[in-house]
Amino acid sequence: MHRDQLARREFLALAGAGVALMTLSPFAAEATPASVLQAIEKAIGAKAFKEGKIALELPQIAENGSVVPLGVTVESPMTEKDFVKSVHLYADGNPLPEIADYHFGPHNGKAEFSLRIRLAKSQKIVAVAQLSNGDVYIARREVKVTIGGCGG
C-alpha cells in the first residue's frame, strides 16, 4: 500500500509540473519583426505604410525594462474631416508583439499620449497610426535594455 501511495504522489507531482509547463509555454515564445507585421495586419489590414507624422519619445537606453517611458504624438489637425483614428504599439522582442491600442476622434484635440511599458530585452518599438482618410503611418525606434522587465 505504501508503494501505491508513493506512485500516486509521483504521478500527481509530474502531472502538476506538466500543467505548469503548458500554462507557461505560450510566454516562452518571443515576438519577431514578422509577428509584429502579422499583428499590424490583424489590426488594420494589409496597407502601405508612410513615414513621418509620428514622434516617439523613448530613451535610447533603458536601465530597467520594467518601467520604460514612452510618449507618442501624431501630427494631425484633429478636425471632423482630418483626424487620427487609432495608434497601435508593438514590440518585436517581448513575449507577445502587442503593447497597446489607442483610439481617437476629432473631439480629442491632440493625438498624443504617454505610458510606461515593459520590455524583456533590447528591441524595436513600432507605432502605427491610422488616419481618417485611410493613410497609415509607421515609426520605429530601437531601445537598448540593460535589465529585462518581463521576467525570465
N, C-alpha and C. Protein backbone atom coordinates (compact mmCIF):
# COMPACT_ATOMS: atom_id res chain seq x y z
N MET A 1 0.83 -1.19 0.00
CA MET A 1 0.00 0.00 0.00
C MET A 1 0.88 1.26 0.00
N HIS A 2 1.93 1.23 0.76
CA HIS A 2 2.85 2.38 0.81
C HIS A 2 3.42 2.65 -0.58
N ARG A 3 3.74 1.59 -1.33
CA ARG A 3 4.31 1.72 -2.67
C ARG A 3 3.30 2.39 -3.61
N ASP A 4 2.01 2.07 -3.49
CA ASP A 4 0.97 2.68 -4.33
C ASP A 4 0.84 4.17 -4.05
N GLN A 5 0.92 4.53 -2.77
CA GLN A 5 0.81 5.95 -2.42
C GLN A 5 1.98 6.74 -2.99
N LEU A 6 3.14 6.18 -2.95
CA LEU A 6 4.32 6.85 -3.50
C LEU A 6 4.15 7.03 -5.00
N ALA A 7 3.69 6.02 -5.69
CA ALA A 7 3.47 6.12 -7.13
C ALA A 7 2.41 7.18 -7.43
N ARG A 8 1.38 7.23 -6.62
CA ARG A 8 0.31 8.23 -6.81
C ARG A 8 0.87 9.64 -6.60
N ARG A 9 1.66 9.80 -5.57
CA ARG A 9 2.27 11.11 -5.30
C ARG A 9 3.20 11.53 -6.44
N GLU A 10 4.00 10.60 -6.92
CA GLU A 10 4.89 10.91 -8.05
C GLU A 10 4.09 11.31 -9.27
N PHE A 11 3.00 10.56 -9.52
CA PHE A 11 2.15 10.87 -10.67
C PHE A 11 1.56 12.28 -10.53
N LEU A 12 1.04 12.62 -9.36
CA LEU A 12 0.45 13.94 -9.14
C LEU A 12 1.49 15.05 -9.29
N ALA A 13 2.71 14.80 -8.80
CA ALA A 13 3.77 15.80 -8.92
C ALA A 13 4.14 16.02 -10.39
N LEU A 14 4.27 14.93 -11.14
CA LEU A 14 4.59 15.06 -12.56
C LEU A 14 3.46 15.72 -13.34
N ALA A 15 2.21 15.38 -13.02
CA ALA A 15 1.07 15.98 -13.70
C ALA A 15 1.00 17.48 -13.40
N GLY A 16 1.26 17.83 -12.15
CA GLY A 16 1.26 19.26 -11.79
C GLY A 16 2.36 20.02 -12.51
N ALA A 17 3.53 19.43 -12.63
CA ALA A 17 4.63 20.07 -13.36
C ALA A 17 4.29 20.22 -14.83
N GLY A 18 3.62 19.22 -15.40
CA GLY A 18 3.22 19.30 -16.81
C GLY A 18 2.21 20.40 -17.04
N VAL A 19 1.23 20.54 -16.14
CA VAL A 19 0.24 21.61 -16.26
C VAL A 19 0.91 22.97 -16.15
N ALA A 20 1.84 23.10 -15.20
CA ALA A 20 2.56 24.37 -15.05
C ALA A 20 3.36 24.69 -16.31
N LEU A 21 4.00 23.69 -16.89
CA LEU A 21 4.79 23.91 -18.10
C LEU A 21 3.90 24.31 -19.26
N MET A 22 2.74 23.66 -19.42
CA MET A 22 1.82 24.02 -20.51
C MET A 22 1.25 25.42 -20.32
N THR A 23 1.02 25.81 -19.09
CA THR A 23 0.49 27.14 -18.81
C THR A 23 1.51 28.22 -19.14
N LEU A 24 2.78 27.98 -18.85
CA LEU A 24 3.82 28.97 -19.07
C LEU A 24 4.39 28.94 -20.49
N SER A 25 4.23 27.86 -21.21
CA SER A 25 4.88 27.74 -22.51
C SER A 25 4.48 28.78 -23.54
N PRO A 26 3.24 29.30 -23.58
CA PRO A 26 2.97 30.34 -24.57
C PRO A 26 3.84 31.58 -24.36
N PHE A 27 4.26 31.85 -23.14
CA PHE A 27 5.05 33.02 -22.86
C PHE A 27 6.54 32.78 -23.08
N ALA A 28 6.90 31.53 -23.36
CA ALA A 28 8.29 31.25 -23.70
C ALA A 28 8.58 31.70 -25.13
N ALA A 29 7.53 31.87 -25.92
CA ALA A 29 7.69 32.34 -27.29
C ALA A 29 8.16 33.80 -27.26
N GLU A 30 8.64 34.25 -28.39
CA GLU A 30 9.14 35.61 -28.46
C GLU A 30 8.64 36.26 -29.75
N ALA A 31 8.20 37.50 -29.63
CA ALA A 31 7.76 38.24 -30.81
C ALA A 31 8.95 38.46 -31.73
N THR A 32 8.67 38.59 -33.01
CA THR A 32 9.69 38.84 -34.02
C THR A 32 9.18 39.96 -34.93
N PRO A 33 10.04 40.52 -35.77
CA PRO A 33 9.54 41.51 -36.73
C PRO A 33 8.40 40.95 -37.59
N ALA A 34 8.47 39.67 -37.94
CA ALA A 34 7.41 39.05 -38.74
C ALA A 34 6.10 38.97 -37.96
N SER A 35 6.17 38.62 -36.67
CA SER A 35 4.94 38.55 -35.87
C SER A 35 4.36 39.94 -35.62
N VAL A 36 5.22 40.96 -35.57
CA VAL A 36 4.73 42.33 -35.46
C VAL A 36 3.95 42.70 -36.72
N LEU A 37 4.48 42.36 -37.89
CA LEU A 37 3.77 42.64 -39.14
C LEU A 37 2.43 41.91 -39.20
N GLN A 38 2.39 40.67 -38.72
CA GLN A 38 1.14 39.93 -38.67
C GLN A 38 0.14 40.61 -37.74
N ALA A 39 0.60 41.08 -36.60
CA ALA A 39 -0.28 41.76 -35.64
C ALA A 39 -0.81 43.07 -36.24
N ILE A 40 0.04 43.78 -36.98
CA ILE A 40 -0.39 45.03 -37.63
C ILE A 40 -1.47 44.72 -38.66
N GLU A 41 -1.25 43.70 -39.48
CA GLU A 41 -2.25 43.32 -40.49
C GLU A 41 -3.56 42.91 -39.84
N LYS A 42 -3.48 42.24 -38.71
CA LYS A 42 -4.69 41.84 -37.99
C LYS A 42 -5.46 43.08 -37.50
N ALA A 43 -4.73 44.10 -37.06
CA ALA A 43 -5.38 45.31 -36.52
C ALA A 43 -5.93 46.23 -37.61
N ILE A 44 -5.17 46.42 -38.71
CA ILE A 44 -5.59 47.42 -39.70
C ILE A 44 -5.69 46.90 -41.13
N GLY A 45 -5.33 45.65 -41.33
CA GLY A 45 -5.34 45.10 -42.69
C GLY A 45 -4.00 45.32 -43.37
N ALA A 46 -3.90 44.80 -44.57
CA ALA A 46 -2.65 44.93 -45.34
C ALA A 46 -2.67 46.27 -46.08
N LYS A 47 -1.97 47.23 -45.56
CA LYS A 47 -1.92 48.57 -46.15
C LYS A 47 -0.48 49.02 -46.30
N ALA A 48 -0.27 49.93 -47.22
CA ALA A 48 1.07 50.52 -47.41
C ALA A 48 1.31 51.55 -46.31
N PHE A 49 2.52 51.54 -45.76
CA PHE A 49 2.88 52.48 -44.70
C PHE A 49 3.59 53.69 -45.28
N LYS A 50 3.38 54.82 -44.63
CA LYS A 50 4.12 56.04 -44.94
C LYS A 50 4.96 56.39 -43.73
N GLU A 51 6.08 57.04 -43.98
CA GLU A 51 6.94 57.52 -42.89
C GLU A 51 6.53 58.95 -42.53
N GLY A 52 6.79 59.33 -41.29
CA GLY A 52 6.52 60.69 -40.83
C GLY A 52 5.28 60.76 -39.97
N LYS A 53 4.96 61.94 -39.52
CA LYS A 53 3.80 62.28 -38.70
C LYS A 53 3.81 61.71 -37.28
N ILE A 54 4.55 60.61 -37.03
CA ILE A 54 4.58 60.01 -35.69
C ILE A 54 5.90 60.33 -35.02
N ALA A 55 5.82 60.87 -33.81
CA ALA A 55 7.01 61.12 -33.00
C ALA A 55 6.97 60.18 -31.79
N LEU A 56 8.05 59.43 -31.61
CA LEU A 56 8.17 58.53 -30.46
C LEU A 56 9.20 59.09 -29.50
N GLU A 57 8.82 59.23 -28.26
CA GLU A 57 9.76 59.64 -27.21
C GLU A 57 10.09 58.42 -26.38
N LEU A 58 11.29 57.92 -26.55
CA LEU A 58 11.78 56.75 -25.83
C LEU A 58 13.23 56.97 -25.47
N PRO A 59 13.67 56.43 -24.34
CA PRO A 59 15.11 56.53 -24.06
C PRO A 59 15.88 55.60 -25.01
N GLN A 60 17.09 55.99 -25.36
CA GLN A 60 17.92 55.10 -26.18
C GLN A 60 18.35 53.88 -25.37
N ILE A 61 18.61 54.12 -24.07
CA ILE A 61 18.99 53.04 -23.17
C ILE A 61 18.04 53.07 -21.98
N ALA A 62 17.41 51.92 -21.71
CA ALA A 62 16.54 51.78 -20.55
C ALA A 62 17.25 50.91 -19.54
N GLU A 63 17.56 51.48 -18.40
CA GLU A 63 18.28 50.72 -17.37
C GLU A 63 17.41 49.62 -16.78
N ASN A 64 16.10 49.86 -16.71
CA ASN A 64 15.19 48.86 -16.15
C ASN A 64 14.04 48.65 -17.14
N GLY A 65 13.96 47.45 -17.73
CA GLY A 65 12.93 47.16 -18.71
C GLY A 65 11.53 47.09 -18.15
N SER A 66 11.37 47.11 -16.82
CA SER A 66 10.05 47.06 -16.21
C SER A 66 9.29 48.38 -16.32
N VAL A 67 10.00 49.49 -16.46
CA VAL A 67 9.35 50.80 -16.49
C VAL A 67 10.00 51.70 -17.53
N VAL A 68 9.70 51.49 -18.78
CA VAL A 68 10.28 52.28 -19.85
C VAL A 68 9.26 53.33 -20.28
N PRO A 69 9.58 54.61 -20.12
CA PRO A 69 8.62 55.65 -20.52
C PRO A 69 8.53 55.74 -22.05
N LEU A 70 7.31 55.90 -22.53
CA LEU A 70 7.07 56.02 -23.97
C LEU A 70 6.03 57.11 -24.19
N GLY A 71 6.38 58.08 -25.03
CA GLY A 71 5.46 59.13 -25.43
C GLY A 71 5.23 59.06 -26.93
N VAL A 72 3.99 59.24 -27.35
CA VAL A 72 3.63 59.18 -28.77
C VAL A 72 2.83 60.41 -29.12
N THR A 73 3.23 61.07 -30.22
CA THR A 73 2.49 62.21 -30.75
C THR A 73 2.34 61.99 -32.25
N VAL A 74 1.12 62.20 -32.76
CA VAL A 74 0.87 62.09 -34.18
C VAL A 74 0.39 63.45 -34.68
N GLU A 75 1.09 63.99 -35.69
CA GLU A 75 0.70 65.28 -36.27
C GLU A 75 -0.64 65.15 -36.97
N SER A 76 -1.59 65.98 -36.57
CA SER A 76 -2.91 65.99 -37.20
C SER A 76 -3.67 67.22 -36.74
N PRO A 77 -4.47 67.82 -37.63
CA PRO A 77 -5.28 68.96 -37.20
C PRO A 77 -6.44 68.54 -36.28
N MET A 78 -6.77 67.25 -36.28
CA MET A 78 -7.85 66.69 -35.45
C MET A 78 -9.17 67.45 -35.66
N THR A 79 -9.53 67.61 -36.94
CA THR A 79 -10.81 68.22 -37.31
C THR A 79 -11.79 67.11 -37.70
N GLU A 80 -13.02 67.45 -37.93
CA GLU A 80 -14.04 66.48 -38.33
C GLU A 80 -13.65 65.71 -39.59
N LYS A 81 -12.91 66.35 -40.50
CA LYS A 81 -12.55 65.73 -41.77
C LYS A 81 -11.15 65.14 -41.80
N ASP A 82 -10.32 65.49 -40.84
CA ASP A 82 -8.92 65.06 -40.85
C ASP A 82 -8.46 64.81 -39.42
N PHE A 83 -8.46 63.53 -39.03
CA PHE A 83 -8.07 63.20 -37.66
C PHE A 83 -7.41 61.83 -37.60
N VAL A 84 -6.76 61.56 -36.48
CA VAL A 84 -6.15 60.26 -36.22
C VAL A 84 -7.24 59.35 -35.65
N LYS A 85 -7.43 58.20 -36.29
CA LYS A 85 -8.42 57.24 -35.80
C LYS A 85 -7.85 56.33 -34.72
N SER A 86 -6.62 55.85 -34.92
CA SER A 86 -6.05 54.93 -33.94
C SER A 86 -4.53 54.91 -34.02
N VAL A 87 -3.93 54.52 -32.92
CA VAL A 87 -2.48 54.30 -32.84
C VAL A 87 -2.30 52.94 -32.17
N HIS A 88 -1.48 52.10 -32.80
CA HIS A 88 -1.20 50.76 -32.29
C HIS A 88 0.30 50.66 -32.00
N LEU A 89 0.63 50.09 -30.86
CA LEU A 89 2.03 49.96 -30.45
C LEU A 89 2.44 48.49 -30.37
N TYR A 90 3.66 48.21 -30.84
CA TYR A 90 4.18 46.85 -30.88
C TYR A 90 5.63 46.82 -30.44
N ALA A 91 6.06 45.64 -29.96
CA ALA A 91 7.46 45.41 -29.59
C ALA A 91 7.89 44.09 -30.24
N ASP A 92 9.07 44.07 -30.86
CA ASP A 92 9.47 42.87 -31.59
C ASP A 92 10.36 41.92 -30.80
N GLY A 93 10.47 42.11 -29.47
CA GLY A 93 11.29 41.22 -28.67
C GLY A 93 10.64 40.80 -27.37
N ASN A 94 9.41 41.19 -27.13
CA ASN A 94 8.67 40.78 -25.94
C ASN A 94 8.02 39.42 -26.20
N PRO A 95 7.45 38.80 -25.16
CA PRO A 95 6.76 37.53 -25.39
C PRO A 95 5.61 37.64 -26.41
N LEU A 96 4.89 38.74 -26.40
CA LEU A 96 3.82 39.00 -27.36
C LEU A 96 4.09 40.33 -28.05
N PRO A 97 3.75 40.47 -29.33
CA PRO A 97 4.09 41.71 -30.04
C PRO A 97 3.24 42.92 -29.66
N GLU A 98 1.99 42.72 -29.28
CA GLU A 98 1.10 43.85 -28.99
C GLU A 98 1.44 44.52 -27.66
N ILE A 99 1.49 45.85 -27.68
CA ILE A 99 1.67 46.61 -26.43
C ILE A 99 0.36 47.29 -26.06
N ALA A 100 -0.19 48.11 -26.98
CA ALA A 100 -1.40 48.86 -26.66
C ALA A 100 -2.05 49.38 -27.94
N ASP A 101 -3.34 49.67 -27.84
CA ASP A 101 -4.11 50.31 -28.92
C ASP A 101 -4.82 51.52 -28.33
N TYR A 102 -4.72 52.65 -29.02
CA TYR A 102 -5.41 53.86 -28.61
C TYR A 102 -6.30 54.32 -29.75
N HIS A 103 -7.52 54.74 -29.42
CA HIS A 103 -8.47 55.19 -30.43
C HIS A 103 -8.81 56.65 -30.18
N PHE A 104 -8.86 57.41 -31.26
CA PHE A 104 -9.09 58.85 -31.18
C PHE A 104 -10.24 59.26 -32.09
N GLY A 105 -10.63 60.50 -31.93
CA GLY A 105 -11.60 61.14 -32.81
C GLY A 105 -11.29 62.62 -32.84
N PRO A 106 -12.02 63.37 -33.66
CA PRO A 106 -11.73 64.81 -33.76
C PRO A 106 -11.93 65.56 -32.45
N HIS A 107 -12.75 65.03 -31.57
CA HIS A 107 -13.01 65.67 -30.28
C HIS A 107 -11.82 65.60 -29.33
N ASN A 108 -10.82 64.77 -29.61
CA ASN A 108 -9.66 64.64 -28.73
C ASN A 108 -8.77 65.86 -28.72
N GLY A 109 -8.77 66.64 -29.78
CA GLY A 109 -7.93 67.83 -29.83
C GLY A 109 -6.50 67.55 -30.23
N LYS A 110 -5.86 66.55 -29.64
CA LYS A 110 -4.50 66.14 -29.97
C LYS A 110 -4.44 64.62 -29.98
N ALA A 111 -3.63 64.09 -30.87
CA ALA A 111 -3.38 62.65 -30.87
C ALA A 111 -2.04 62.46 -30.17
N GLU A 112 -2.11 62.40 -28.85
CA GLU A 112 -0.91 62.39 -28.03
C GLU A 112 -1.19 61.62 -26.74
N PHE A 113 -0.24 60.79 -26.33
CA PHE A 113 -0.38 60.07 -25.07
C PHE A 113 0.99 59.61 -24.59
N SER A 114 1.05 59.21 -23.34
CA SER A 114 2.28 58.65 -22.79
C SER A 114 1.91 57.50 -21.85
N LEU A 115 2.83 56.58 -21.72
CA LEU A 115 2.64 55.43 -20.86
C LEU A 115 4.00 54.85 -20.50
N ARG A 116 4.00 53.87 -19.65
CA ARG A 116 5.21 53.14 -19.31
C ARG A 116 5.00 51.70 -19.78
N ILE A 117 6.01 51.16 -20.43
CA ILE A 117 5.90 49.81 -20.98
C ILE A 117 6.97 48.91 -20.38
N ARG A 118 6.76 47.61 -20.53
CA ARG A 118 7.74 46.62 -20.09
C ARG A 118 8.42 46.05 -21.32
N LEU A 119 9.72 45.94 -21.25
CA LEU A 119 10.49 45.37 -22.34
C LEU A 119 11.37 44.25 -21.80
N ALA A 120 11.29 43.09 -22.44
CA ALA A 120 12.05 41.93 -21.99
C ALA A 120 13.53 42.06 -22.27
N LYS A 121 13.87 42.76 -23.38
CA LYS A 121 15.27 42.88 -23.78
C LYS A 121 15.38 44.04 -24.77
N SER A 122 16.56 44.29 -25.28
CA SER A 122 16.74 45.32 -26.30
C SER A 122 15.94 44.93 -27.53
N GLN A 123 15.22 45.92 -28.11
CA GLN A 123 14.33 45.62 -29.22
C GLN A 123 13.81 46.89 -29.87
N LYS A 124 13.03 46.72 -30.93
CA LYS A 124 12.40 47.86 -31.61
C LYS A 124 10.96 48.01 -31.14
N ILE A 125 10.59 49.27 -30.92
CA ILE A 125 9.20 49.63 -30.66
C ILE A 125 8.65 50.16 -31.97
N VAL A 126 7.45 49.73 -32.33
CA VAL A 126 6.82 50.14 -33.58
C VAL A 126 5.48 50.78 -33.26
N ALA A 127 5.25 51.96 -33.83
CA ALA A 127 3.97 52.65 -33.69
C ALA A 127 3.34 52.78 -35.08
N VAL A 128 2.06 52.47 -35.17
CA VAL A 128 1.32 52.57 -36.42
C VAL A 128 0.11 53.45 -36.16
N ALA A 129 -0.04 54.52 -36.96
CA ALA A 129 -1.17 55.44 -36.82
C ALA A 129 -2.05 55.33 -38.05
N GLN A 130 -3.33 55.16 -37.82
CA GLN A 130 -4.31 55.09 -38.91
C GLN A 130 -5.10 56.40 -38.89
N LEU A 131 -5.11 57.10 -40.04
CA LEU A 131 -5.80 58.38 -40.15
C LEU A 131 -7.19 58.21 -40.76
N SER A 132 -8.02 59.20 -40.58
CA SER A 132 -9.40 59.14 -41.07
C SER A 132 -9.49 59.03 -42.58
N ASN A 133 -8.49 59.52 -43.30
CA ASN A 133 -8.50 59.44 -44.77
C ASN A 133 -7.98 58.10 -45.29
N GLY A 134 -7.64 57.18 -44.39
CA GLY A 134 -7.15 55.87 -44.78
C GLY A 134 -5.64 55.72 -44.79
N ASP A 135 -4.91 56.83 -44.71
CA ASP A 135 -3.45 56.76 -44.68
C ASP A 135 -2.99 56.06 -43.40
N VAL A 136 -1.88 55.34 -43.52
CA VAL A 136 -1.29 54.65 -42.38
C VAL A 136 0.17 55.05 -42.29
N TYR A 137 0.56 55.54 -41.11
CA TYR A 137 1.95 55.97 -40.87
C TYR A 137 2.59 55.01 -39.88
N ILE A 138 3.91 54.86 -40.03
CA ILE A 138 4.65 53.95 -39.15
C ILE A 138 5.92 54.64 -38.65
N ALA A 139 6.30 54.32 -37.43
CA ALA A 139 7.56 54.80 -36.85
C ALA A 139 8.16 53.67 -36.05
N ARG A 140 9.49 53.56 -36.09
CA ARG A 140 10.21 52.52 -35.35
C ARG A 140 11.32 53.17 -34.54
N ARG A 141 11.57 52.59 -33.37
CA ARG A 141 12.65 53.12 -32.54
C ARG A 141 13.28 52.01 -31.74
N GLU A 142 14.59 51.91 -31.78
CA GLU A 142 15.34 50.88 -31.04
C GLU A 142 15.56 51.36 -29.60
N VAL A 143 15.39 50.44 -28.66
CA VAL A 143 15.67 50.71 -27.24
C VAL A 143 16.58 49.62 -26.73
N LYS A 144 17.70 50.00 -26.12
CA LYS A 144 18.60 49.04 -25.50
C LYS A 144 18.20 48.89 -24.04
N VAL A 145 17.97 47.67 -23.62
CA VAL A 145 17.52 47.38 -22.25
C VAL A 145 18.65 46.67 -21.50
N THR A 146 19.05 47.23 -20.35
CA THR A 146 20.14 46.60 -19.59
C THR A 146 19.62 45.51 -18.66
N ILE A 147 18.44 45.69 -18.06
CA ILE A 147 17.82 44.67 -17.21
C ILE A 147 16.40 44.46 -17.72
N GLY A 148 16.09 43.25 -18.20
CA GLY A 148 14.77 42.96 -18.77
C GLY A 148 13.66 43.10 -17.76
N GLY A 149 12.47 43.44 -18.27
CA GLY A 149 11.34 43.68 -17.38
C GLY A 149 10.20 42.70 -17.50
N CYS A 150 10.35 41.62 -18.27
CA CYS A 150 9.25 40.67 -18.47
C CYS A 150 9.54 39.33 -17.84
N GLY A 151 10.31 39.32 -16.79
CA GLY A 151 10.62 38.06 -16.12
C GLY A 151 11.66 37.27 -16.88
N GLY A 152 11.76 36.01 -16.59
CA GLY A 152 12.65 35.12 -17.33
C GLY A 152 13.97 35.18 -16.78
